[in-house]
């Protein structure tokens, strides 16, 4: 009999979180006459960015957050964006500010992110929030890493004392996720593009989290029996680049869209060895939006407390 891992459904968990956020927003409205507000700055016409922003707007509508999108031409200067952020920083009805990345080449992304008030930084990228995360102080935490921890906790996966390997060390996922795991008392190994022998660091891990954007990076011989796998990678594979296995497995996707989305894990071969695994799509992706909504609610609560 083939053992099948338990799928960790980000779609299901994110729906629960949205319900919780919605209930708290309704209560907030009654008690404080406050509705959380989220502003997104969208520069240019990047198709992926537009999809993300549309999903954020939809998520806000589902839970009762007021959302507005500031659309700017891709010829904007850093100063143009800073002027918009300054306006939003000073508005009492906006509790969360998010700049959709990537920004055009001429824009200084670092200066833009630094300009967002740390209290409204719902992406959790401001150095003040990063520093608070290191110091284990209450702060706004990046949405994808906090979503990963939420998934593990809601599946009752024990983090205390677990050997966790984080593959990827970006400021967006790898580093904050490492800090969150340490804060839960996991023992964490961090790997990245310069790691000499990746398998050596993954083969004994109880939990593997991978966020590299390299399809099939984590193979079956790199994973121990019963490991928990969280796949953050999103890779679009077109029909002409797909292996026969993938063509068969995702037949419907290729017929309908000519492409499919896969993660960084060789899912079909790793899944029988894992105890829990997050799929792509439908795993970490939906969690990111849910945690962003939760962060916006948290920022609104902080603003109410300060009044």
C-alpha atoms as a PDB file:
ATOM      1  CA  UNK A   1       0.000   0.000   0.000  1.00  0.00           C
ATOM      2  CA  UNK A   2       1.414   3.419  -0.985  1.00  0.00           C
ATOM      3  CA  UNK A   3       1.485   5.863   1.881  1.00  0.00           C
ATOM      4  CA  UNK A   4       0.080   9.252   0.946  1.00  0.00           C
ATOM      5  CA  UNK A   5       1.154  12.416   2.744  1.00  0.00           C
ATOM      6  CA  UNK A   6      -1.434  14.692   4.290  1.00  0.00           C
ATOM      7  CA  UNK A   7      -1.874  17.698   2.017  1.00  0.00           C
ATOM      8  CA  UNK A   8      -1.622  20.995   3.895  1.00  0.00           C
ATOM      9  CA  UNK A   9      -4.291  23.045   2.163  1.00  0.00           C
ATOM     10  CA  UNK A  10      -3.440  26.740   2.257  1.00  0.00           C
ATOM     11  CA  UNK A  11      -6.757  27.396   0.525  1.00  0.00           C
ATOM     12  CA  UNK A  12      -8.673  25.842   3.427  1.00  0.00           C
ATOM     13  CA  UNK A  13      -6.598  27.433   6.220  1.00  0.00           C
ATOM     14  CA  UNK A  14      -6.652  30.852   4.545  1.00  0.00           C
ATOM     15  CA  UNK A  15     -10.471  30.680   4.333  1.00  0.00           C
ATOM     16  CA  UNK A  16     -10.577  30.060   8.117  1.00  0.00           C
ATOM     17  CA  UNK A  17      -8.271  33.031   8.755  1.00  0.00           C
ATOM     18  CA  UNK A  18     -10.386  35.292   6.524  1.00  0.00           C
ATOM     19  CA  UNK A  19     -13.501  34.304   8.501  1.00  0.00           C
ATOM     20  CA  UNK A  20     -11.706  35.161  11.769  1.00  0.00           C
ATOM     21  CA  UNK A  21     -10.492  38.510  10.391  1.00  0.00           C
ATOM     22  CA  UNK A  22     -13.970  39.362   9.073  1.00  0.00           C
ATOM     23  CA  UNK A  23     -15.558  38.702  12.488  1.00  0.00           C
ATOM     24  CA  UNK A  24     -12.967  40.870  14.254  1.00  0.00           C
ATOM     25  CA  UNK A  25     -13.456  43.715  11.742  1.00  0.00           C
ATOM     26  CA  UNK A  26     -17.229  43.650  12.321  1.00  0.00           C
ATOM     27  CA  UNK A  27     -16.614  43.858  16.070  1.00  0.00           C
ATOM     28  CA  UNK A  28     -14.106  46.694  15.598  1.00  0.00           C
ATOM     29  CA  UNK A  29     -16.635  48.622  13.527  1.00  0.00           C
ATOM     30  CA  UNK A  30     -19.235  48.303  16.299  1.00  0.00           C
ATOM     31  CA  UNK A  31     -16.889  49.116  19.186  1.00  0.00           C
ATOM     32  CA  UNK A  32     -14.645  51.810  17.695  1.00  0.00           C
ATOM     33  CA  UNK A  33     -16.426  52.875  14.521  1.00  0.00           C
ATOM     34  CA  UNK A  34     -13.188  52.003  12.689  1.00  0.00           C
ATOM     35  CA  UNK A  35     -12.818  50.131   9.414  1.00  0.00           C
ATOM     36  CA  UNK A  36      -9.270  49.008   8.531  1.00  0.00           C
ATOM     37  CA  UNK A  37      -7.928  50.610   5.347  1.00  0.00           C
ATOM     38  CA  UNK A  38      -5.257  49.223   3.012  1.00  0.00           C
ATOM     39  CA  UNK A  39      -3.575  51.243   0.258  1.00  0.00           C
ATOM     40  CA  UNK A  40      -1.585  49.512  -2.471  1.00  0.00           C
ATOM     41  CA  UNK A  41       0.788  51.420  -4.749  1.00  0.00           C
ATOM     42  CA  UNK A  42       0.960  49.747  -8.160  1.00  0.00           C
ATOM     43  CA  UNK A  43       3.555  51.028 -10.622  1.00  0.00           C
ATOM     44  CA  UNK A  44       3.306  50.144 -14.313  1.00  0.00           C
ATOM     45  CA  UNK A  45       1.522  47.296 -16.052  1.00  0.00           C
ATOM     46  CA  UNK A  46       3.407  44.167 -14.906  1.00  0.00           C
ATOM     47  CA  UNK A  47       0.814  41.373 -15.506  1.00  0.00           C
ATOM     48  CA  UNK A  48       1.828  39.332 -12.419  1.00  0.00           C
ATOM     49  CA  UNK A  49       1.692  42.432 -10.203  1.00  0.00           C
ATOM     50  CA  UNK A  50      -1.759  43.313 -11.528  1.00  0.00           C
ATOM     51  CA  UNK A  51      -3.020  39.795 -10.703  1.00  0.00           C
ATOM     52  CA  UNK A  52      -1.592  40.029  -7.165  1.00  0.00           C
ATOM     53  CA  UNK A  53      -3.180  43.441  -6.612  1.00  0.00           C
ATOM     54  CA  UNK A  54      -6.554  42.219  -7.932  1.00  0.00           C
ATOM     55  CA  UNK A  55      -6.351  39.284  -5.471  1.00  0.00           C
ATOM     56  CA  UNK A  56      -5.570  41.673  -2.615  1.00  0.00           C
ATOM     57  CA  UNK A  57      -8.544  43.880  -3.539  1.00  0.00           C
ATOM     58  CA  UNK A  58     -10.781  40.799  -3.664  1.00  0.00           C
ATOM     59  CA  UNK A  59      -9.492  39.616  -0.274  1.00  0.00           C
ATOM     60  CA  UNK A  60     -10.154  43.039   1.274  1.00  0.00           C
ATOM     61  CA  UNK A  61     -13.720  43.015  -0.063  1.00  0.00           C
ATOM     62  CA  UNK A  62     -14.310  39.533   1.417  1.00  0.00           C
ATOM     63  CA  UNK A  63     -13.353  40.561   4.963  1.00  0.00           C
ATOM     64  CA  UNK A  64     -14.577  44.173   5.025  1.00  0.00           C
ATOM     65  CA  UNK A  65     -11.309  46.105   4.655  1.00  0.00           C
ATOM     66  CA  UNK A  66     -11.486  49.373   2.703  1.00  0.00           C
ATOM     67  CA  UNK A  67      -8.915  49.074  -0.072  1.00  0.00           C
ATOM     68  CA  UNK A  68      -7.630  51.558  -2.554  1.00  0.00           C
ATOM     69  CA  UNK A  69      -5.032  51.195  -5.285  1.00  0.00           C
ATOM     70  CA  UNK A  70      -2.789  54.086  -6.268  1.00  0.00           C
ATOM     71  CA  UNK A  71      -1.817  53.423  -9.885  1.00  0.00           C
ATOM     72  CA  UNK A  72       1.316  55.098 -11.225  1.00  0.00           C
ATOM     73  CA  UNK A  73       3.032  55.103 -14.626  1.00  0.00           C
ATOM     74  CA  UNK A  74       6.214  53.037 -14.958  1.00  0.00           C
ATOM     75  CA  UNK A  75       8.105  56.250 -15.808  1.00  0.00           C
ATOM     76  CA  UNK A  76       7.691  57.552 -12.218  1.00  0.00           C
ATOM     77  CA  UNK A  77      10.631  58.738 -10.149  1.00  0.00           C
ATOM     78  CA  UNK A  78      11.520  57.673  -6.614  1.00  0.00           C
ATOM     79  CA  UNK A  79      10.368  61.118  -5.401  1.00  0.00           C
ATOM     80  CA  UNK A  80       6.930  60.688  -7.023  1.00  0.00           C
ATOM     81  CA  UNK A  81       6.362  57.465  -5.072  1.00  0.00           C
ATOM     82  CA  UNK A  82       7.760  58.989  -1.851  1.00  0.00           C
ATOM     83  CA  UNK A  83       5.245  61.855  -2.172  1.00  0.00           C
ATOM     84  CA  UNK A  84       2.362  59.329  -2.419  1.00  0.00           C
ATOM     85  CA  UNK A  85       3.672  57.374   0.584  1.00  0.00           C
ATOM     86  CA  UNK A  86       3.937  60.586   2.602  1.00  0.00           C
ATOM     87  CA  UNK A  87       0.249  61.336   1.913  1.00  0.00           C
ATOM     88  CA  UNK A  88      -0.773  57.800   2.916  1.00  0.00           C
ATOM     89  CA  UNK A  89       1.403  57.871   6.064  1.00  0.00           C
ATOM     90  CA  UNK A  90      -0.560  60.933   7.187  1.00  0.00           C
ATOM     91  CA  UNK A  91      -4.049  59.578   6.511  1.00  0.00           C
ATOM     92  CA  UNK A  92      -5.946  58.273   9.549  1.00  0.00           C
ATOM     93  CA  UNK A  93      -8.241  56.080   7.423  1.00  0.00           C
ATOM     94  CA  UNK A  94      -5.290  54.142   5.925  1.00  0.00           C
ATOM     95  CA  UNK A  95      -3.781  51.622   8.346  1.00  0.00           C
ATOM     96  CA  UNK A  96      -1.713  49.551   5.930  1.00  0.00           C
ATOM     97  CA  UNK A  97       0.511  50.612   3.013  1.00  0.00           C
ATOM     98  CA  UNK A  98       1.925  48.179   0.524  1.00  0.00           C
ATOM     99  CA  UNK A  99       4.140  48.893  -2.488  1.00  0.00           C
ATOM    100  CA  UNK A 100       3.792  46.152  -5.091  1.00  0.00           C
ATOM    101  CA  UNK A 101       7.256  44.891  -6.089  1.00  0.00           C
ATOM    102  CA  UNK A 102       9.205  44.798  -8.364  1.00  0.00           C
ATOM    103  CA  UNK A 103       9.525  48.518  -9.076  1.00  0.00           C
ATOM    104  CA  UNK A 104      11.013  49.894 -12.319  1.00  0.00           C
ATOM    105  CA  UNK A 105      14.824  50.181 -12.544  1.00  0.00           C
ATOM    106  CA  UNK A 106      14.968  53.949 -12.076  1.00  0.00           C
ATOM    107  CA  UNK A 107      13.228  53.704  -8.681  1.00  0.00           C
ATOM    108  CA  UNK A 108      15.252  53.232  -5.479  1.00  0.00           C
ATOM    109  CA  UNK A 109      13.289  50.355  -3.901  1.00  0.00           C
ATOM    110  CA  UNK A 110      15.179  50.605  -0.596  1.00  0.00           C
ATOM    111  CA  UNK A 111      14.272  54.284  -0.124  1.00  0.00           C
ATOM    112  CA  UNK A 112      10.637  53.571  -1.033  1.00  0.00           C
ATOM    113  CA  UNK A 113      10.257  50.754   1.505  1.00  0.00           C
ATOM    114  CA  UNK A 114      12.055  52.797   4.195  1.00  0.00           C
ATOM    115  CA  UNK A 115       9.590  55.670   3.693  1.00  0.00           C
ATOM    116  CA  UNK A 116       6.560  53.608   4.770  1.00  0.00           C
ATOM    117  CA  UNK A 117       5.696  54.203   8.423  1.00  0.00           C
ATOM    118  CA  UNK A 118       6.703  51.023  10.347  1.00  0.00           C
ATOM    119  CA  UNK A 119       3.213  51.064  11.946  1.00  0.00           C
ATOM    120  CA  UNK A 120       1.616  50.829   8.469  1.00  0.00           C
ATOM    121  CA  UNK A 121       4.190  48.460   6.947  1.00  0.00           C
ATOM    122  CA  UNK A 122       1.853  45.478   6.431  1.00  0.00           C
ATOM    123  CA  UNK A 123       4.483  43.721   4.295  1.00  0.00           C
ATOM    124  CA  UNK A 124       6.807  43.699   7.327  1.00  0.00           C
ATOM    125  CA  UNK A 125       9.847  44.685   5.241  1.00  0.00           C
ATOM    126  CA  UNK A 126      10.820  47.871   7.107  1.00  0.00           C
ATOM    127  CA  UNK A 127      14.126  47.509   9.030  1.00  0.00           C
ATOM    128  CA  UNK A 128      12.283  48.560  12.224  1.00  0.00           C
ATOM    129  CA  UNK A 129       9.906  45.597  11.885  1.00  0.00           C
ATOM    130  CA  UNK A 130      12.749  43.254  10.878  1.00  0.00           C
ATOM    131  CA  UNK A 131      14.702  44.388  13.955  1.00  0.00           C
ATOM    132  CA  UNK A 132      11.703  43.842  16.218  1.00  0.00           C
ATOM    133  CA  UNK A 133      11.299  40.345  14.779  1.00  0.00           C
ATOM    134  CA  UNK A 134      14.944  39.589  15.669  1.00  0.00           C
ATOM    135  CA  UNK A 135      14.370  40.975  19.188  1.00  0.00           C
ATOM    136  CA  UNK A 136      11.116  38.979  19.545  1.00  0.00           C
ATOM    137  CA  UNK A 137       9.069  42.149  19.995  1.00  0.00           C
ATOM    138  CA  UNK A 138       5.504  42.504  18.743  1.00  0.00           C
ATOM    139  CA  UNK A 139       5.565  43.762  15.152  1.00  0.00           C
ATOM    140  CA  UNK A 140       4.145  43.386  11.649  1.00  0.00           C
ATOM    141  CA  UNK A 141       5.705  40.206  10.222  1.00  0.00           C
ATOM    142  CA  UNK A 142       6.096  39.456   6.478  1.00  0.00           C
ATOM    143  CA  UNK A 143       2.958  37.678   5.274  1.00  0.00           C
ATOM    144  CA  UNK A 144       4.413  34.597   3.560  1.00  0.00           C
ATOM    145  CA  UNK A 145       6.644  33.484   6.488  1.00  0.00           C
ATOM    146  CA  UNK A 146       3.916  34.107   9.076  1.00  0.00           C
ATOM    147  CA  UNK A 147       1.544  32.151   6.804  1.00  0.00           C
ATOM    148  CA  UNK A 148       3.967  29.212   6.766  1.00  0.00           C
ATOM    149  CA  UNK A 149       4.172  29.126  10.581  1.00  0.00           C
ATOM    150  CA  UNK A 150       0.366  29.406  10.772  1.00  0.00           C
ATOM    151  CA  UNK A 151      -0.001  26.400   8.420  1.00  0.00           C
ATOM    152  CA  UNK A 152       2.358  24.301  10.542  1.00  0.00           C
ATOM    153  CA  UNK A 153       0.635  25.253  13.796  1.00  0.00           C
ATOM    154  CA  UNK A 154      -2.881  24.625  12.484  1.00  0.00           C
ATOM    155  CA  UNK A 155      -1.770  21.174  11.335  1.00  0.00           C
ATOM    156  CA  UNK A 156      -0.491  20.540  14.895  1.00  0.00           C
ATOM    157  CA  UNK A 157       3.075  20.037  13.682  1.00  0.00           C
ATOM    158  CA  UNK A 158       5.413  20.354  16.631  1.00  0.00           C
ATOM    159  CA  UNK A 159       8.077  23.015  16.018  1.00  0.00           C
ATOM    160  CA  UNK A 160       9.735  22.945  19.433  1.00  0.00           C
ATOM    161  CA  UNK A 161      13.039  21.099  19.097  1.00  0.00           C
ATOM    162  CA  UNK A 162      12.311  20.092  15.478  1.00  0.00           C
ATOM    163  CA  UNK A 163      15.172  20.135  12.967  1.00  0.00           C
ATOM    164  CA  UNK A 164      14.060  22.578  10.281  1.00  0.00           C
ATOM    165  CA  UNK A 165      15.961  23.299   7.074  1.00  0.00           C
ATOM    166  CA  UNK A 166      15.183  26.588   5.305  1.00  0.00           C
ATOM    167  CA  UNK A 167      16.248  26.516   1.654  1.00  0.00           C
ATOM    168  CA  UNK A 168      16.459  30.132   0.495  1.00  0.00           C
ATOM    169  CA  UNK A 169      17.599  33.214   2.429  1.00  0.00           C
ATOM    170  CA  UNK A 170      15.693  36.137   0.918  1.00  0.00           C
ATOM    171  CA  UNK A 171      14.501  39.085   3.010  1.00  0.00           C
ATOM    172  CA  UNK A 172      10.945  38.259   1.909  1.00  0.00           C
ATOM    173  CA  UNK A 173      10.769  34.570   2.925  1.00  0.00           C
ATOM    174  CA  UNK A 174      13.979  32.852   4.022  1.00  0.00           C
ATOM    175  CA  UNK A 175      15.342  35.212   6.674  1.00  0.00           C
ATOM    176  CA  UNK A 176      12.054  36.104   8.421  1.00  0.00           C
ATOM    177  CA  UNK A 177      10.923  32.467   8.280  1.00  0.00           C
ATOM    178  CA  UNK A 178      14.194  31.411   9.934  1.00  0.00           C
ATOM    179  CA  UNK A 179      13.617  33.945  12.731  1.00  0.00           C
ATOM    180  CA  UNK A 180      10.008  32.800  13.255  1.00  0.00           C
ATOM    181  CA  UNK A 181      11.141  29.163  13.463  1.00  0.00           C
ATOM    182  CA  UNK A 182      13.839  30.107  15.995  1.00  0.00           C
ATOM    183  CA  UNK A 183      11.215  32.007  18.014  1.00  0.00           C
ATOM    184  CA  UNK A 184       9.229  28.739  18.132  1.00  0.00           C
ATOM    185  CA  UNK A 185      12.343  26.929  19.424  1.00  0.00           C
ATOM    186  CA  UNK A 186      13.065  24.935  16.262  1.00  0.00           C
ATOM    187  CA  UNK A 187      16.700  24.165  15.397  1.00  0.00           C
ATOM    188  CA  UNK A 188      17.211  25.836  12.031  1.00  0.00           C
ATOM    189  CA  UNK A 189      19.692  25.227   9.211  1.00  0.00           C
ATOM    190  CA  UNK A 190      19.703  27.865   6.448  1.00  0.00           C
ATOM    191  CA  UNK A 191      20.769  26.956   2.907  1.00  0.00           C
ATOM    192  CA  UNK A 192      21.114  29.098  -0.218  1.00  0.00           C
ATOM    193  CA  UNK A 193      22.584  29.225  -3.708  1.00  0.00           C
ATOM    194  CA  UNK A 194      26.170  28.895  -2.413  1.00  0.00           C
ATOM    195  CA  UNK A 195      25.442  25.861  -0.185  1.00  0.00           C
ATOM    196  CA  UNK A 196      27.900  23.147  -1.267  1.00  0.00           C
ATOM    197  CA  UNK A 197      25.910  19.991  -0.489  1.00  0.00           C
ATOM    198  CA  UNK A 198      22.204  20.746  -0.152  1.00  0.00           C
ATOM    199  CA  UNK A 199      21.237  17.090   0.383  1.00  0.00           C
ATOM    200  CA  UNK A 200      23.476  16.907   3.472  1.00  0.00           C
ATOM    201  CA  UNK A 201      21.336  19.622   5.093  1.00  0.00           C
ATOM    202  CA  UNK A 202      17.897  18.338   4.033  1.00  0.00           C
ATOM    203  CA  UNK A 203      18.116  14.543   4.369  1.00  0.00           C
ATOM    204  CA  UNK A 204      17.742  14.480   8.175  1.00  0.00           C
ATOM    205  CA  UNK A 205      15.390  17.472   8.542  1.00  0.00           C
ATOM    206  CA  UNK A 206      12.009  17.027  10.232  1.00  0.00           C
ATOM    207  CA  UNK A 207      10.713  20.100   8.374  1.00  0.00           C
ATOM    208  CA  UNK A 208      11.914  21.406   5.001  1.00  0.00           C
ATOM    209  CA  UNK A 209      10.788  24.813   3.747  1.00  0.00           C
ATOM    210  CA  UNK A 210      11.924  25.669   0.240  1.00  0.00           C
ATOM    211  CA  UNK A 211      11.673  29.079  -1.454  1.00  0.00           C
ATOM    212  CA  UNK A 212      14.107  29.319  -4.369  1.00  0.00           C
ATOM    213  CA  UNK A 213      12.157  29.412  -7.641  1.00  0.00           C
ATOM    214  CA  UNK A 214      14.051  26.348  -8.897  1.00  0.00           C
ATOM    215  CA  UNK A 215      11.642  23.602 -10.048  1.00  0.00           C
ATOM    216  CA  UNK A 216      12.396  20.036  -8.875  1.00  0.00           C
ATOM    217  CA  UNK A 217      15.206  21.255  -6.588  1.00  0.00           C
ATOM    218  CA  UNK A 218      14.135  18.985  -3.708  1.00  0.00           C
ATOM    219  CA  UNK A 219      14.227  15.374  -4.848  1.00  0.00           C
ATOM    220  CA  UNK A 220      13.098  12.178  -3.180  1.00  0.00           C
ATOM    221  CA  UNK A 221      16.611  11.126  -2.009  1.00  0.00           C
ATOM    222  CA  UNK A 222      17.005  14.481  -0.189  1.00  0.00           C
ATOM    223  CA  UNK A 223      14.044  13.864   2.131  1.00  0.00           C
ATOM    224  CA  UNK A 224      13.686  11.476   5.063  1.00  0.00           C
ATOM    225  CA  UNK A 225      10.596   9.358   5.691  1.00  0.00           C
ATOM    226  CA  UNK A 226       7.922  11.309   7.536  1.00  0.00           C
ATOM    227  CA  UNK A 227       9.353  14.790   6.879  1.00  0.00           C
ATOM    228  CA  UNK A 228       7.065  17.822   6.641  1.00  0.00           C
ATOM    229  CA  UNK A 229       7.527  19.737   3.371  1.00  0.00           C
ATOM    230  CA  UNK A 230       6.449  23.346   2.769  1.00  0.00           C
ATOM    231  CA  UNK A 231       6.920  24.380  -0.858  1.00  0.00           C
ATOM    232  CA  UNK A 232       6.952  28.159  -1.418  1.00  0.00           C
ATOM    233  CA  UNK A 233       8.186  28.007  -5.016  1.00  0.00           C
ATOM    234  CA  UNK A 234       5.955  29.065  -7.902  1.00  0.00           C
ATOM    235  CA  UNK A 235       7.277  28.066 -11.315  1.00  0.00           C
ATOM    236  CA  UNK A 236       5.241  28.368 -14.507  1.00  0.00           C
ATOM    237  CA  UNK A 237       6.024  25.507 -16.870  1.00  0.00           C
ATOM    238  CA  UNK A 238       4.797  25.733 -20.465  1.00  0.00           C
ATOM    239  CA  UNK A 239       3.743  22.640 -22.402  1.00  0.00           C
ATOM    240  CA  UNK A 240       6.901  22.624 -24.573  1.00  0.00           C
ATOM    241  CA  UNK A 241       9.157  22.569 -21.464  1.00  0.00           C
ATOM    242  CA  UNK A 242       7.232  19.883 -19.564  1.00  0.00           C
ATOM    243  CA  UNK A 243       8.489  16.329 -18.967  1.00  0.00           C
ATOM    244  CA  UNK A 244       6.255  13.407 -20.059  1.00  0.00           C
ATOM    245  CA  UNK A 245       5.442  12.798 -16.362  1.00  0.00           C
ATOM    246  CA  UNK A 246       4.323  16.379 -15.854  1.00  0.00           C
ATOM    247  CA  UNK A 247       2.336  16.405 -19.097  1.00  0.00           C
ATOM    248  CA  UNK A 248       0.391  13.398 -17.838  1.00  0.00           C
ATOM    249  CA  UNK A 249      -0.008  14.634 -14.242  1.00  0.00           C
ATOM    250  CA  UNK A 250      -1.198  18.141 -15.182  1.00  0.00           C
ATOM    251  CA  UNK A 251      -2.897  17.152 -18.420  1.00  0.00           C
ATOM    252  CA  UNK A 252      -5.965  19.301 -17.732  1.00  0.00           C
ATOM    253  CA  UNK A 253      -3.888  22.451 -17.090  1.00  0.00           C
ATOM    254  CA  UNK A 254      -1.908  22.020 -20.292  1.00  0.00           C
ATOM    255  CA  UNK A 255      -5.063  21.417 -22.325  1.00  0.00           C
ATOM    256  CA  UNK A 256      -6.848  24.461 -20.860  1.00  0.00           C
ATOM    257  CA  UNK A 257      -4.008  26.967 -20.355  1.00  0.00           C
ATOM    258  CA  UNK A 258      -0.972  25.550 -22.182  1.00  0.00           C
ATOM    259  CA  UNK A 259       0.975  25.809 -18.904  1.00  0.00           C
ATOM    260  CA  UNK A 260       0.921  24.719 -15.258  1.00  0.00           C
ATOM    261  CA  UNK A 261       2.326  25.894 -11.931  1.00  0.00           C
ATOM    262  CA  UNK A 262       4.705  23.717  -9.928  1.00  0.00           C
ATOM    263  CA  UNK A 263       6.819  24.314  -6.843  1.00  0.00           C
ATOM    264  CA  UNK A 264      10.482  23.728  -5.991  1.00  0.00           C
ATOM    265  CA  UNK A 265       9.802  20.159  -4.821  1.00  0.00           C
ATOM    266  CA  UNK A 266       9.549  17.083  -7.068  1.00  0.00           C
ATOM    267  CA  UNK A 267       6.057  16.594  -5.649  1.00  0.00           C
ATOM    268  CA  UNK A 268       5.130  13.262  -7.248  1.00  0.00           C
ATOM    269  CA  UNK A 269       8.222  11.500  -5.917  1.00  0.00           C
ATOM    270  CA  UNK A 270       8.645  13.319  -2.600  1.00  0.00           C
ATOM    271  CA  UNK A 271       4.995  13.157  -1.524  1.00  0.00           C
ATOM    272  CA  UNK A 272       4.958   9.376  -0.764  1.00  0.00           C
ATOM    273  CA  UNK A 273       7.860   9.870   1.702  1.00  0.00           C
ATOM    274  CA  UNK A 274       6.472  12.951   3.480  1.00  0.00           C
ATOM    275  CA  UNK A 275       4.029  12.956   6.408  1.00  0.00           C
ATOM    276  CA  UNK A 276       2.672  16.403   5.369  1.00  0.00           C
ATOM    277  CA  UNK A 277       3.259  18.428   2.214  1.00  0.00           C
ATOM    278  CA  UNK A 278       1.919  21.708   0.847  1.00  0.00           C
ATOM    279  CA  UNK A 279       0.824  21.596  -2.799  1.00  0.00           C
ATOM    280  CA  UNK A 280       1.501  24.149  -5.550  1.00  0.00           C
ATOM    281  CA  UNK A 281      -0.857  25.787  -6.322  1.00  0.00           C
ATOM    282  CA  UNK A 282      -3.178  25.925  -3.295  1.00  0.00           C
ATOM    283  CA  UNK A 283      -0.525  25.768  -0.576  1.00  0.00           C
ATOM    284  CA  UNK A 284       1.434  28.770   0.641  1.00  0.00           C
ATOM    285  CA  UNK A 285       0.047  31.172  -2.029  1.00  0.00           C
ATOM    286  CA  UNK A 286      -3.438  31.721  -0.532  1.00  0.00           C
ATOM    287  CA  UNK A 287      -1.883  32.106   2.938  1.00  0.00           C
ATOM    288  CA  UNK A 288       0.077  35.193   1.870  1.00  0.00           C
ATOM    289  CA  UNK A 289      -3.086  37.188   1.096  1.00  0.00           C
ATOM    290  CA  UNK A 290      -4.827  35.961   4.277  1.00  0.00           C
ATOM    291  CA  UNK A 291      -1.898  37.016   6.479  1.00  0.00           C
ATOM    292  CA  UNK A 292      -1.688  40.384   4.719  1.00  0.00           C
ATOM    293  CA  UNK A 293      -5.359  40.982   5.644  1.00  0.00           C
ATOM    294  CA  UNK A 294      -4.576  39.884   9.213  1.00  0.00           C
ATOM    295  CA  UNK A 295      -1.646  42.350   9.299  1.00  0.00           C
ATOM    296  CA  UNK A 296      -3.915  45.182   8.095  1.00  0.00           C
ATOM    297  CA  UNK A 297      -6.351  44.393  10.915  1.00  0.00           C
ATOM    298  CA  UNK A 298      -3.438  44.328  13.393  1.00  0.00           C
ATOM    299  CA  UNK A 299      -2.185  47.724  12.131  1.00  0.00           C
ATOM    300  CA  UNK A 300      -5.703  49.157  12.534  1.00  0.00           C
ATOM    301  CA  UNK A 301      -5.906  47.788  16.104  1.00  0.00           C
ATOM    302  CA  UNK A 302      -2.520  49.376  16.911  1.00  0.00           C
ATOM    303  CA  UNK A 303      -3.765  52.713  15.550  1.00  0.00           C
ATOM    304  CA  UNK A 304      -6.951  52.512  17.704  1.00  0.00           C
ATOM    305  CA  UNK A 305      -4.866  51.746  20.825  1.00  0.00           C
ATOM    306  CA  UNK A 306      -2.626  54.770  20.150  1.00  0.00           C
ATOM    307  CA  UNK A 307      -5.562  57.208  19.994  1.00  0.00           C
END
